[in-house]
């Protein structure tokens, strides 16, 4: 499984709009994420900075990410959410979102 964390800034004047959209994410957008093997997708907010975390459990990340980008519902969703965001200068895997480097992870301890 691949874990990804990303960040982007939220435009203060579009904050309410962005939060309202995420109170009811469209089922088609969620379906596209699930079909692309995205799991445990979470977006956090601190001030005007958004932080996202998700896990990928598929076999072809690039193909699955391309399928999300090609999804019509997701494209419509991005036309609404993208203007609310202000990318950092270094966009990453998530298009406008900048990737964060994983430096530590606590694995689950399995006992029998």
PDB file of N, CA and C in Angstrom:
ATOM      1  N   UNK A   1       0.844  -1.177   0.000  1.00  0.00           N
ATOM      2  CA  UNK A   1       0.000   0.000   0.000  1.00  0.00           C
ATOM      3  C   UNK A   1       0.886   1.236   0.000  1.00  0.00           C
ATOM      4  N   UNK A   2       0.462   2.224  -0.745  1.00  0.00           N
ATOM      5  CA  UNK A   2       1.166   3.500  -0.841  1.00  0.00           C
ATOM      6  C   UNK A   2       0.376   4.550  -0.062  1.00  0.00           C
ATOM      7  N   UNK A   3       1.061   5.314   0.793  1.00  0.00           N
ATOM      8  CA  UNK A   3       0.445   6.407   1.541  1.00  0.00           C
ATOM      9  C   UNK A   3       0.894   7.722   0.929  1.00  0.00           C
ATOM     10  N   UNK A   4      -0.042   8.652   0.760  1.00  0.00           N
ATOM     11  CA  UNK A   4       0.304   9.956   0.203  1.00  0.00           C
ATOM     12  C   UNK A   4      -0.278  11.066   1.057  1.00  0.00           C
ATOM     13  N   UNK A   5       0.513  12.092   1.260  1.00  0.00           N
ATOM     14  CA  UNK A   5       0.070  13.299   1.950  1.00  0.00           C
ATOM     15  C   UNK A   5       0.393  14.478   1.048  1.00  0.00           C
ATOM     16  N   UNK A   6      -0.522  15.426   1.011  1.00  0.00           N
ATOM     17  CA  UNK A   6      -0.363  16.582   0.132  1.00  0.00           C
ATOM     18  C   UNK A   6      -0.911  17.831   0.822  1.00  0.00           C
ATOM     19  N   UNK A   7      -0.512  18.979   0.319  1.00  0.00           N
ATOM     20  CA  UNK A   7      -0.987  20.228   0.877  1.00  0.00           C
ATOM     21  C   UNK A   7      -1.228  21.255  -0.222  1.00  0.00           C
ATOM     22  N   UNK A   8      -2.098  22.187   0.076  1.00  0.00           N
ATOM     23  CA  UNK A   8      -2.416  23.304  -0.804  1.00  0.00           C
ATOM     24  C   UNK A   8      -3.015  24.399   0.072  1.00  0.00           C
ATOM     25  N   UNK A   9      -2.986  25.614  -0.398  1.00  0.00           N
ATOM     26  CA  UNK A   9      -3.598  26.708   0.359  1.00  0.00           C
ATOM     27  C   UNK A   9      -5.041  26.900  -0.074  1.00  0.00           C
ATOM     28  N   UNK A  10      -5.846  27.355   0.852  1.00  0.00           N
ATOM     29  CA  UNK A  10      -7.243  27.668   0.595  1.00  0.00           C
ATOM     30  C   UNK A  10      -7.367  29.184   0.486  1.00  0.00           C
ATOM     31  N   UNK A  11      -7.985  29.651  -0.575  1.00  0.00           N
ATOM     32  CA  UNK A  11      -8.180  31.089  -0.744  1.00  0.00           C
ATOM     33  C   UNK A  11      -9.196  31.551   0.312  1.00  0.00           C
ATOM     34  N   UNK A  12      -8.803  32.482   1.172  1.00  0.00           N
ATOM     35  CA  UNK A  12      -9.692  32.898   2.271  1.00  0.00           C
ATOM     36  C   UNK A  12     -11.065  33.357   1.793  1.00  0.00           C
ATOM     37  N   UNK A  13     -11.124  34.032   0.682  1.00  0.00           N
ATOM     38  CA  UNK A  13     -12.403  34.534   0.184  1.00  0.00           C
ATOM     39  C   UNK A  13     -13.293  33.420  -0.383  1.00  0.00           C
ATOM     40  N   UNK A  14     -12.740  32.209  -0.570  1.00  0.00           N
ATOM     41  CA  UNK A  14     -13.512  31.073  -1.085  1.00  0.00           C
ATOM     42  C   UNK A  14     -13.681  29.974  -0.041  1.00  0.00           C
ATOM     43  N   UNK A  15     -13.258  30.260   1.175  1.00  0.00           N
ATOM     44  CA  UNK A  15     -13.283  29.259   2.248  1.00  0.00           C
ATOM     45  C   UNK A  15     -14.675  28.662   2.454  1.00  0.00           C
ATOM     46  N   UNK A  16     -15.679  29.501   2.639  1.00  0.00           N
ATOM     47  CA  UNK A  16     -17.035  29.003   2.899  1.00  0.00           C
ATOM     48  C   UNK A  16     -17.541  28.133   1.755  1.00  0.00           C
ATOM     49  N   UNK A  17     -17.266  28.548   0.544  1.00  0.00           N
ATOM     50  CA  UNK A  17     -17.687  27.777  -0.635  1.00  0.00           C
ATOM     51  C   UNK A  17     -17.035  26.399  -0.643  1.00  0.00           C
ATOM     52  N   UNK A  18     -15.738  26.350  -0.373  1.00  0.00           N
ATOM     53  CA  UNK A  18     -15.006  25.087  -0.368  1.00  0.00           C
ATOM     54  C   UNK A  18     -15.529  24.153   0.718  1.00  0.00           C
ATOM     55  N   UNK A  19     -15.721  24.689   1.904  1.00  0.00           N
ATOM     56  CA  UNK A  19     -16.220  23.871   3.010  1.00  0.00           C
ATOM     57  C   UNK A  19     -17.627  23.363   2.730  1.00  0.00           C
ATOM     58  N   UNK A  20     -18.463  24.191   2.148  1.00  0.00           N
ATOM     59  CA  UNK A  20     -19.825  23.773   1.796  1.00  0.00           C
ATOM     60  C   UNK A  20     -19.797  22.633   0.785  1.00  0.00           C
ATOM     61  N   UNK A  21     -18.952  22.724  -0.215  1.00  0.00           N
ATOM     62  CA  UNK A  21     -18.835  21.640  -1.200  1.00  0.00           C
ATOM     63  C   UNK A  21     -18.447  20.327  -0.514  1.00  0.00           C
ATOM     64  N   UNK A  22     -17.555  20.395   0.443  1.00  0.00           N
ATOM     65  CA  UNK A  22     -17.072  19.173   1.081  1.00  0.00           C
ATOM     66  C   UNK A  22     -17.995  18.639   2.172  1.00  0.00           C
ATOM     67  N   UNK A  23     -19.043  19.358   2.466  1.00  0.00           N
ATOM     68  CA  UNK A  23     -20.052  18.801   3.391  1.00  0.00           C
ATOM     69  C   UNK A  23     -20.891  17.732   2.695  1.00  0.00           C
ATOM     70  N   UNK A  24     -20.884  17.755   1.370  1.00  0.00           N
ATOM     71  CA  UNK A  24     -21.664  16.776   0.603  1.00  0.00           C
ATOM     72  C   UNK A  24     -20.933  16.474  -0.708  1.00  0.00           C
ATOM     73  N   UNK A  25     -19.826  15.755  -0.591  1.00  0.00           N
ATOM     74  CA  UNK A  25     -19.061  15.384  -1.786  1.00  0.00           C
ATOM     75  C   UNK A  25     -19.938  14.511  -2.670  1.00  0.00           C
ATOM     76  N   UNK A  26     -19.913  14.791  -3.950  1.00  0.00           N
ATOM     77  CA  UNK A  26     -20.778  14.077  -4.896  1.00  0.00           C
ATOM     78  C   UNK A  26     -20.478  12.576  -4.917  1.00  0.00           C
ATOM     79  N   UNK A  27     -21.507  11.750  -4.958  1.00  0.00           N
ATOM     80  CA  UNK A  27     -21.302  10.289  -5.009  1.00  0.00           C
ATOM     81  C   UNK A  27     -20.436   9.846  -6.182  1.00  0.00           C
ATOM     82  N   UNK A  28     -20.561  10.506  -7.333  1.00  0.00           N
ATOM     83  CA  UNK A  28     -19.750  10.133  -8.495  1.00  0.00           C
ATOM     84  C   UNK A  28     -18.269  10.372  -8.270  1.00  0.00           C
ATOM     85  N   UNK A  29     -17.943  11.434  -7.545  1.00  0.00           N
ATOM     86  CA  UNK A  29     -16.543  11.729  -7.222  1.00  0.00           C
ATOM     87  C   UNK A  29     -16.006  10.662  -6.275  1.00  0.00           C
ATOM     88  N   UNK A  30     -16.787  10.325  -5.265  1.00  0.00           N
ATOM     89  CA  UNK A  30     -16.362   9.284  -4.329  1.00  0.00           C
ATOM     90  C   UNK A  30     -16.225   7.929  -5.040  1.00  0.00           C
ATOM     91  N   UNK A  31     -17.132   7.640  -5.970  1.00  0.00           N
ATOM     92  CA  UNK A  31     -17.064   6.378  -6.712  1.00  0.00           C
ATOM     93  C   UNK A  31     -15.803   6.310  -7.561  1.00  0.00           C
ATOM     94  N   UNK A  32     -15.432   7.418  -8.190  1.00  0.00           N
ATOM     95  CA  UNK A  32     -14.219   7.447  -9.014  1.00  0.00           C
ATOM     96  C   UNK A  32     -12.980   7.206  -8.154  1.00  0.00           C
ATOM     97  N   UNK A  33     -12.954   7.790  -6.968  1.00  0.00           N
ATOM     98  CA  UNK A  33     -11.821   7.569  -6.058  1.00  0.00           C
ATOM     99  C   UNK A  33     -11.739   6.106  -5.635  1.00  0.00           C
ATOM    100  N   UNK A  34     -12.877   5.541  -5.261  1.00  0.00           N
ATOM    101  CA  UNK A  34     -12.880   4.130  -4.846  1.00  0.00           C
ATOM    102  C   UNK A  34     -12.470   3.208  -5.994  1.00  0.00           C
ATOM    103  N   UNK A  35     -12.972   3.477  -7.199  1.00  0.00           N
ATOM    104  CA  UNK A  35     -12.628   2.648  -8.359  1.00  0.00           C
ATOM    105  C   UNK A  35     -11.136   2.712  -8.676  1.00  0.00           C
ATOM    106  N   UNK A  36     -10.501   3.824  -8.290  1.00  0.00           N
ATOM    107  CA  UNK A  36      -9.068   4.003  -8.530  1.00  0.00           C
ATOM    108  C   UNK A  36      -8.221   3.516  -7.353  1.00  0.00           C
ATOM    109  N   UNK A  37      -8.832   2.759  -6.460  1.00  0.00           N
ATOM    110  CA  UNK A  37      -8.125   2.137  -5.328  1.00  0.00           C
ATOM    111  C   UNK A  37      -7.618   3.151  -4.305  1.00  0.00           C
ATOM    112  N   UNK A  38      -8.327   4.277  -4.179  1.00  0.00           N
ATOM    113  CA  UNK A  38      -8.008   5.268  -3.156  1.00  0.00           C
ATOM    114  C   UNK A  38      -8.804   4.919  -1.907  1.00  0.00           C
ATOM    115  N   UNK A  39      -8.119   4.866  -0.772  1.00  0.00           N
ATOM    116  CA  UNK A  39      -8.747   4.512   0.493  1.00  0.00           C
ATOM    117  C   UNK A  39      -8.380   5.544   1.559  1.00  0.00           C
ATOM    118  N   UNK A  40      -9.224   5.659   2.560  1.00  0.00           N
ATOM    119  CA  UNK A  40      -8.938   6.509   3.722  1.00  0.00           C
ATOM    120  C   UNK A  40      -8.539   7.929   3.326  1.00  0.00           C
ATOM    121  N   UNK A  41      -9.236   8.488   2.351  1.00  0.00           N
ATOM    122  CA  UNK A  41      -8.955   9.852   1.902  1.00  0.00           C
ATOM    123  C   UNK A  41      -9.533  10.818   2.932  1.00  0.00           C
ATOM    124  N   UNK A  42      -8.680  11.687   3.429  1.00  0.00           N
ATOM    125  CA  UNK A  42      -9.080  12.659   4.442  1.00  0.00           C
ATOM    126  C   UNK A  42      -8.463  14.004   4.095  1.00  0.00           C
ATOM    127  N   UNK A  43      -9.234  15.075   4.259  1.00  0.00           N
ATOM    128  CA  UNK A  43      -8.709  16.426   4.093  1.00  0.00           C
ATOM    129  C   UNK A  43      -8.868  17.149   5.426  1.00  0.00           C
ATOM    130  N   UNK A  44      -7.785  17.760   5.875  1.00  0.00           N
ATOM    131  CA  UNK A  44      -7.759  18.529   7.109  1.00  0.00           C
ATOM    132  C   UNK A  44      -7.542  19.997   6.765  1.00  0.00           C
ATOM    133  N   UNK A  45      -7.920  20.879   7.686  1.00  0.00           N
ATOM    134  CA  UNK A  45      -7.754  22.314   7.479  1.00  0.00           C
ATOM    135  C   UNK A  45      -7.149  22.946   8.723  1.00  0.00           C
ATOM    136  N   UNK A  46      -6.140  23.777   8.509  1.00  0.00           N
ATOM    137  CA  UNK A  46      -5.588  24.597   9.590  1.00  0.00           C
ATOM    138  C   UNK A  46      -5.364  25.990   9.021  1.00  0.00           C
ATOM    139  N   UNK A  47      -6.102  26.940   9.538  1.00  0.00           N
ATOM    140  CA  UNK A  47      -6.023  28.289   8.982  1.00  0.00           C
ATOM    141  C   UNK A  47      -6.465  28.254   7.525  1.00  0.00           C
ATOM    142  N   UNK A  48      -5.575  28.644   6.654  1.00  0.00           N
ATOM    143  CA  UNK A  48      -5.864  28.604   5.223  1.00  0.00           C
ATOM    144  C   UNK A  48      -5.039  27.546   4.504  1.00  0.00           C
ATOM    145  N   UNK A  49      -4.592  26.543   5.242  1.00  0.00           N
ATOM    146  CA  UNK A  49      -3.804  25.463   4.644  1.00  0.00           C
ATOM    147  C   UNK A  49      -4.595  24.162   4.720  1.00  0.00           C
ATOM    148  N   UNK A  50      -4.743  23.520   3.574  1.00  0.00           N
ATOM    149  CA  UNK A  50      -5.388  22.213   3.491  1.00  0.00           C
ATOM    150  C   UNK A  50      -4.307  21.138   3.469  1.00  0.00           C
ATOM    151  N   UNK A  51      -4.584  20.043   4.143  1.00  0.00           N
ATOM    152  CA  UNK A  51      -3.693  18.887   4.170  1.00  0.00           C
ATOM    153  C   UNK A  51      -4.532  17.667   3.834  1.00  0.00           C
ATOM    154  N   UNK A  52      -4.083  16.868   2.885  1.00  0.00           N
ATOM    155  CA  UNK A  52      -4.825  15.650   2.561  1.00  0.00           C
ATOM    156  C   UNK A  52      -3.943  14.430   2.790  1.00  0.00           C
ATOM    157  N   UNK A  53      -4.608  13.338   3.113  1.00  0.00           N
ATOM    158  CA  UNK A  53      -3.945  12.055   3.298  1.00  0.00           C
ATOM    159  C   UNK A  53      -4.826  10.996   2.647  1.00  0.00           C
ATOM    160  N   UNK A  54      -4.199  10.100   1.892  1.00  0.00           N
ATOM    161  CA  UNK A  54      -4.938   8.957   1.368  1.00  0.00           C
ATOM    162  C   UNK A  54      -3.990   7.785   1.158  1.00  0.00           C
ATOM    163  N   UNK A  55      -4.607   6.629   1.036  1.00  0.00           N
ATOM    164  CA  UNK A  55      -3.854   5.400   0.800  1.00  0.00           C
ATOM    165  C   UNK A  55      -4.264   4.843  -0.560  1.00  0.00           C
ATOM    166  N   UNK A  56      -3.290   4.292  -1.246  1.00  0.00           N
ATOM    167  CA  UNK A  56      -3.527   3.686  -2.556  1.00  0.00           C
ATOM    168  C   UNK A  56      -3.165   2.214  -2.466  1.00  0.00           C
ATOM    169  N   UNK A  57      -4.132   1.344  -2.818  1.00  0.00           N
ATOM    170  CA  UNK A  57      -3.861  -0.088  -2.723  1.00  0.00           C
ATOM    171  C   UNK A  57      -4.010  -0.806  -4.065  1.00  0.00           C
ATOM    172  N   UNK A  58      -3.815  -0.078  -5.148  1.00  0.00           N
ATOM    173  CA  UNK A  58      -3.876  -0.677  -6.475  1.00  0.00           C
ATOM    174  C   UNK A  58      -2.500  -1.098  -6.969  1.00  0.00           C
ATOM    175  N   UNK A  59      -2.440  -1.458  -8.259  1.00  0.00           N
ATOM    176  CA  UNK A  59      -1.201  -1.944  -8.855  1.00  0.00           C
ATOM    177  C   UNK A  59      -0.602  -0.986  -9.884  1.00  0.00           C
ATOM    178  N   UNK A  60      -1.366   0.013 -10.322  1.00  0.00           N
ATOM    179  CA  UNK A  60      -0.887   0.930 -11.365  1.00  0.00           C
ATOM    180  C   UNK A  60      -1.353   2.348 -11.032  1.00  0.00           C
ATOM    181  N   UNK A  61      -0.575   3.003 -10.199  1.00  0.00           N
ATOM    182  CA  UNK A  61      -0.957   4.301  -9.669  1.00  0.00           C
ATOM    183  C   UNK A  61      -1.219   5.320 -10.785  1.00  0.00           C
ATOM    184  N   UNK A  62      -0.317   5.418 -11.741  1.00  0.00           N
ATOM    185  CA  UNK A  62      -0.455   6.413 -12.798  1.00  0.00           C
ATOM    186  C   UNK A  62      -1.742   6.209 -13.596  1.00  0.00           C
ATOM    187  N   UNK A  63      -2.054   4.973 -13.924  1.00  0.00           N
ATOM    188  CA  UNK A  63      -3.279   4.671 -14.679  1.00  0.00           C
ATOM    189  C   UNK A  63      -4.518   5.001 -13.852  1.00  0.00           C
ATOM    190  N   UNK A  64      -4.492   4.644 -12.590  1.00  0.00           N
ATOM    191  CA  UNK A  64      -5.649   4.919 -11.732  1.00  0.00           C
ATOM    192  C   UNK A  64      -5.854   6.414 -11.514  1.00  0.00           C
ATOM    193  N   UNK A  65      -4.775   7.172 -11.351  1.00  0.00           N
ATOM    194  CA  UNK A  65      -4.888   8.625 -11.190  1.00  0.00           C
ATOM    195  C   UNK A  65      -5.402   9.247 -12.489  1.00  0.00           C
ATOM    196  N   UNK A  66      -4.955   8.735 -13.616  1.00  0.00           N
ATOM    197  CA  UNK A  66      -5.446   9.230 -14.912  1.00  0.00           C
ATOM    198  C   UNK A  66      -6.937   8.949 -15.071  1.00  0.00           C
ATOM    199  N   UNK A  67      -7.407   7.816 -14.556  1.00  0.00           N
ATOM    200  CA  UNK A  67      -8.834   7.490 -14.632  1.00  0.00           C
ATOM    201  C   UNK A  67      -9.656   8.467 -13.807  1.00  0.00           C
ATOM    202  N   UNK A  68      -9.143   8.882 -12.656  1.00  0.00           N
ATOM    203  CA  UNK A  68      -9.843   9.891 -11.851  1.00  0.00           C
ATOM    204  C   UNK A  68      -9.932  11.191 -12.638  1.00  0.00           C
ATOM    205  N   UNK A  69      -8.825  11.601 -13.227  1.00  0.00           N
ATOM    206  CA  UNK A  69      -8.780  12.861 -13.980  1.00  0.00           C
ATOM    207  C   UNK A  69      -9.694  12.835 -15.193  1.00  0.00           C
ATOM    208  N   UNK A  70      -9.945  11.660 -15.750  1.00  0.00           N
ATOM    209  CA  UNK A  70     -10.803  11.534 -16.931  1.00  0.00           C
ATOM    210  C   UNK A  70     -12.279  11.417 -16.577  1.00  0.00           C
ATOM    211  N   UNK A  71     -12.588  11.214 -15.321  1.00  0.00           N
ATOM    212  CA  UNK A  71     -13.967  11.032 -14.887  1.00  0.00           C
ATOM    213  C   UNK A  71     -14.750  12.344 -15.011  1.00  0.00           C
ATOM    214  N   UNK A  72     -15.891  12.340 -15.723  1.00  0.00           N
ATOM    215  CA  UNK A  72     -16.657  13.577 -15.922  1.00  0.00           C
ATOM    216  C   UNK A  72     -17.141  14.238 -14.630  1.00  0.00           C
ATOM    217  N   UNK A  73     -17.609  13.450 -13.657  1.00  0.00           N
ATOM    218  CA  UNK A  73     -18.046  14.037 -12.382  1.00  0.00           C
ATOM    219  C   UNK A  73     -16.880  14.714 -11.665  1.00  0.00           C
ATOM    220  N   UNK A  74     -15.724  14.057 -11.671  1.00  0.00           N
ATOM    221  CA  UNK A  74     -14.554  14.623 -11.022  1.00  0.00           C
ATOM    222  C   UNK A  74     -14.115  15.900 -11.732  1.00  0.00           C
ATOM    223  N   UNK A  75     -14.160  15.926 -13.043  1.00  0.00           N
ATOM    224  CA  UNK A  75     -13.806  17.138 -13.791  1.00  0.00           C
ATOM    225  C   UNK A  75     -14.731  18.300 -13.429  1.00  0.00           C
ATOM    226  N   UNK A  76     -16.030  18.031 -13.315  1.00  0.00           N
ATOM    227  CA  UNK A  76     -16.985  19.068 -12.909  1.00  0.00           C
ATOM    228  C   UNK A  76     -16.703  19.532 -11.478  1.00  0.00           C
ATOM    229  N   UNK A  77     -16.404  18.576 -10.595  1.00  0.00           N
ATOM    230  CA  UNK A  77     -16.076  18.880  -9.203  1.00  0.00           C
ATOM    231  C   UNK A  77     -14.857  19.802  -9.133  1.00  0.00           C
ATOM    232  N   UNK A  78     -13.816  19.459  -9.886  1.00  0.00           N
ATOM    233  CA  UNK A  78     -12.595  20.266  -9.880  1.00  0.00           C
ATOM    234  C   UNK A  78     -12.835  21.678 -10.418  1.00  0.00           C
ATOM    235  N   UNK A  79     -13.760  21.821 -11.351  1.00  0.00           N
ATOM    236  CA  UNK A  79     -14.078  23.169 -11.852  1.00  0.00           C
ATOM    237  C   UNK A  79     -14.660  24.042 -10.736  1.00  0.00           C
ATOM    238  N   UNK A  80     -15.252  23.413  -9.743  1.00  0.00           N
ATOM    239  CA  UNK A  80     -15.778  24.153  -8.592  1.00  0.00           C
ATOM    240  C   UNK A  80     -14.736  24.335  -7.474  1.00  0.00           C
ATOM    241  N   UNK A  81     -13.950  23.296  -7.226  1.00  0.00           N
ATOM    242  CA  UNK A  81     -13.020  23.353  -6.099  1.00  0.00           C
ATOM    243  C   UNK A  81     -11.696  24.034  -6.447  1.00  0.00           C
ATOM    244  N   UNK A  82     -11.210  23.879  -7.665  1.00  0.00           N
ATOM    245  CA  UNK A  82      -9.911  24.455  -8.023  1.00  0.00           C
ATOM    246  C   UNK A  82      -9.835  25.967  -7.795  1.00  0.00           C
ATOM    247  N   UNK A  83     -10.864  26.745  -8.147  1.00  0.00           N
ATOM    248  CA  UNK A  83     -10.769  28.194  -7.906  1.00  0.00           C
ATOM    249  C   UNK A  83     -10.704  28.560  -6.416  1.00  0.00           C
ATOM    250  N   UNK A  84     -11.056  27.622  -5.550  1.00  0.00           N
ATOM    251  CA  UNK A  84     -11.004  27.864  -4.104  1.00  0.00           C
ATOM    252  C   UNK A  84      -9.600  27.658  -3.551  1.00  0.00           C
ATOM    253  N   UNK A  85      -8.744  27.064  -4.350  1.00  0.00           N
ATOM    254  CA  UNK A  85      -7.424  26.676  -3.882  1.00  0.00           C
ATOM    255  C   UNK A  85      -6.345  27.578  -4.487  1.00  0.00           C
ATOM    256  N   UNK A  86      -5.257  27.721  -3.749  1.00  0.00           N
ATOM    257  CA  UNK A  86      -4.100  28.453  -4.231  1.00  0.00           C
ATOM    258  C   UNK A  86      -2.895  27.531  -4.105  1.00  0.00           C
ATOM    259  N   UNK A  87      -2.438  26.954  -5.218  1.00  0.00           N
ATOM    260  CA  UNK A  87      -1.331  25.992  -5.153  1.00  0.00           C
ATOM    261  C   UNK A  87      -0.046  26.617  -4.622  1.00  0.00           C
ATOM    262  N   UNK A  88       0.769  25.788  -4.001  1.00  0.00           N
ATOM    263  CA  UNK A  88       2.136  26.163  -3.668  1.00  0.00           C
ATOM    264  C   UNK A  88       2.915  26.185  -4.979  1.00  0.00           C
ATOM    265  N   UNK A  89       4.074  26.751  -5.010  1.00  0.00           N
ATOM    266  CA  UNK A  89       4.842  26.807  -6.269  1.00  0.00           C
ATOM    267  C   UNK A  89       5.204  25.434  -6.839  1.00  0.00           C
ATOM    268  N   UNK A  90       5.254  24.407  -5.998  1.00  0.00           N
ATOM    269  CA  UNK A  90       5.654  23.070  -6.459  1.00  0.00           C
ATOM    270  C   UNK A  90       4.471  22.099  -6.423  1.00  0.00           C
ATOM    271  N   UNK A  91       3.708  22.035  -7.483  1.00  0.00           N
ATOM    272  CA  UNK A  91       2.585  21.094  -7.560  1.00  0.00           C
ATOM    273  C   UNK A  91       3.137  19.680  -7.713  1.00  0.00           C
ATOM    274  N   UNK A  92       2.391  18.687  -7.195  1.00  0.00           N
ATOM    275  CA  UNK A  92       2.896  17.322  -7.215  1.00  0.00           C
ATOM    276  C   UNK A  92       1.935  16.342  -7.843  1.00  0.00           C
ATOM    277  N   UNK A  93       1.899  15.136  -7.295  1.00  0.00           N
ATOM    278  CA  UNK A  93       1.099  14.031  -7.811  1.00  0.00           C
ATOM    279  C   UNK A  93      -0.359  14.424  -7.997  1.00  0.00           C
ATOM    280  N   UNK A  94      -0.883  15.211  -7.090  1.00  0.00           N
ATOM    281  CA  UNK A  94      -2.284  15.567  -7.117  1.00  0.00           C
ATOM    282  C   UNK A  94      -2.608  16.749  -8.017  1.00  0.00           C
ATOM    283  N   UNK A  95      -1.773  17.054  -8.996  1.00  0.00           N
ATOM    284  CA  UNK A  95      -2.038  18.187  -9.872  1.00  0.00           C
ATOM    285  C   UNK A  95      -1.672  19.480  -9.183  1.00  0.00           C
ATOM    286  N   UNK A  96      -2.657  20.158  -8.610  1.00  0.00           N
ATOM    287  CA  UNK A  96      -2.405  21.421  -7.913  1.00  0.00           C
ATOM    288  C   UNK A  96      -1.849  21.229  -6.516  1.00  0.00           C
ATOM    289  N   UNK A  97      -2.059  20.054  -5.960  1.00  0.00           N
ATOM    290  CA  UNK A  97      -1.608  19.777  -4.595  1.00  0.00           C
ATOM    291  C   UNK A  97      -0.116  19.430  -4.600  1.00  0.00           C
ATOM    292  N   UNK A  98       0.608  19.875  -3.572  1.00  0.00           N
ATOM    293  CA  UNK A  98       2.031  19.559  -3.441  1.00  0.00           C
ATOM    294  C   UNK A  98       2.214  18.346  -2.540  1.00  0.00           C
ATOM    295  N   UNK A  99       3.051  17.425  -3.007  1.00  0.00           N
ATOM    296  CA  UNK A  99       3.319  16.210  -2.237  1.00  0.00           C
ATOM    297  C   UNK A  99       4.171  16.518  -1.016  1.00  0.00           C
ATOM    298  N   UNK A 100       3.920  15.786   0.059  1.00  0.00           N
ATOM    299  CA  UNK A 100       4.743  15.851   1.256  1.00  0.00           C
ATOM    300  C   UNK A 100       5.560  14.569   1.342  1.00  0.00           C
ATOM    301  N   UNK A 101       6.778  14.692   1.798  1.00  0.00           N
ATOM    302  CA  UNK A 101       7.655  13.536   1.937  1.00  0.00           C
ATOM    303  C   UNK A 101       7.341  12.808   3.233  1.00  0.00           C
ATOM    304  N   UNK A 102       7.129  11.510   3.135  1.00  0.00           N
ATOM    305  CA  UNK A 102       6.923  10.710   4.347  1.00  0.00           C
ATOM    306  C   UNK A 102       8.271  10.474   5.004  1.00  0.00           C
ATOM    307  N   UNK A 103       8.372  10.837   6.276  1.00  0.00           N
ATOM    308  CA  UNK A 103       9.644  10.657   6.970  1.00  0.00           C
ATOM    309  C   UNK A 103       9.566   9.628   8.099  1.00  0.00           C
ATOM    310  N   UNK A 104       8.338   9.241   8.487  1.00  0.00           N
ATOM    311  CA  UNK A 104       8.188   8.250   9.541  1.00  0.00           C
ATOM    312  C   UNK A 104       6.778   7.701   9.503  1.00  0.00           C
ATOM    313  N   UNK A 105       6.660   6.433   9.864  1.00  0.00           N
ATOM    314  CA  UNK A 105       5.350   5.787   9.917  1.00  0.00           C
ATOM    315  C   UNK A 105       5.376   4.718  10.997  1.00  0.00           C
ATOM    316  N   UNK A 106       4.378   4.736  11.864  1.00  0.00           N
ATOM    317  CA  UNK A 106       4.217   3.710  12.898  1.00  0.00           C
ATOM    318  C   UNK A 106       3.386   2.593  12.315  1.00  0.00           C
ATOM    319  N   UNK A 107       3.970   1.442  12.090  1.00  0.00           N
ATOM    320  CA  UNK A 107       3.230   0.297  11.609  1.00  0.00           C
ATOM    321  C   UNK A 107       2.350  -0.252  12.714  1.00  0.00           C
ATOM    322  N   UNK A 108       1.263  -0.866  12.300  1.00  0.00           N
ATOM    323  CA  UNK A 108       0.417  -1.554  13.268  1.00  0.00           C
ATOM    324  C   UNK A 108       1.174  -2.748  13.820  1.00  0.00           C
ATOM    325  N   UNK A 109       1.010  -2.976  15.100  1.00  0.00           N
ATOM    326  CA  UNK A 109       1.638  -4.127  15.719  1.00  0.00           C
ATOM    327  C   UNK A 109       0.636  -5.269  15.721  1.00  0.00           C
ATOM    328  N   UNK A 110       1.051  -6.374  15.171  1.00  0.00           N
ATOM    329  CA  UNK A 110       0.171  -7.539  15.118  1.00  0.00           C
ATOM    330  C   UNK A 110       0.640  -8.546  16.151  1.00  0.00           C
ATOM    331  N   UNK A 111      -0.285  -8.944  16.996  1.00  0.00           N
ATOM    332  CA  UNK A 111       0.037  -9.974  17.979  1.00  0.00           C
ATOM    333  C   UNK A 111      -0.931 -11.129  17.795  1.00  0.00           C
ATOM    334  N   UNK A 112      -0.444 -12.284  18.086  1.00  0.00           N
ATOM    335  CA  UNK A 112      -1.298 -13.472  17.959  1.00  0.00           C
ATOM    336  C   UNK A 112      -1.425 -14.173  19.281  1.00  0.00           C
TER     337      UNK A 112
END
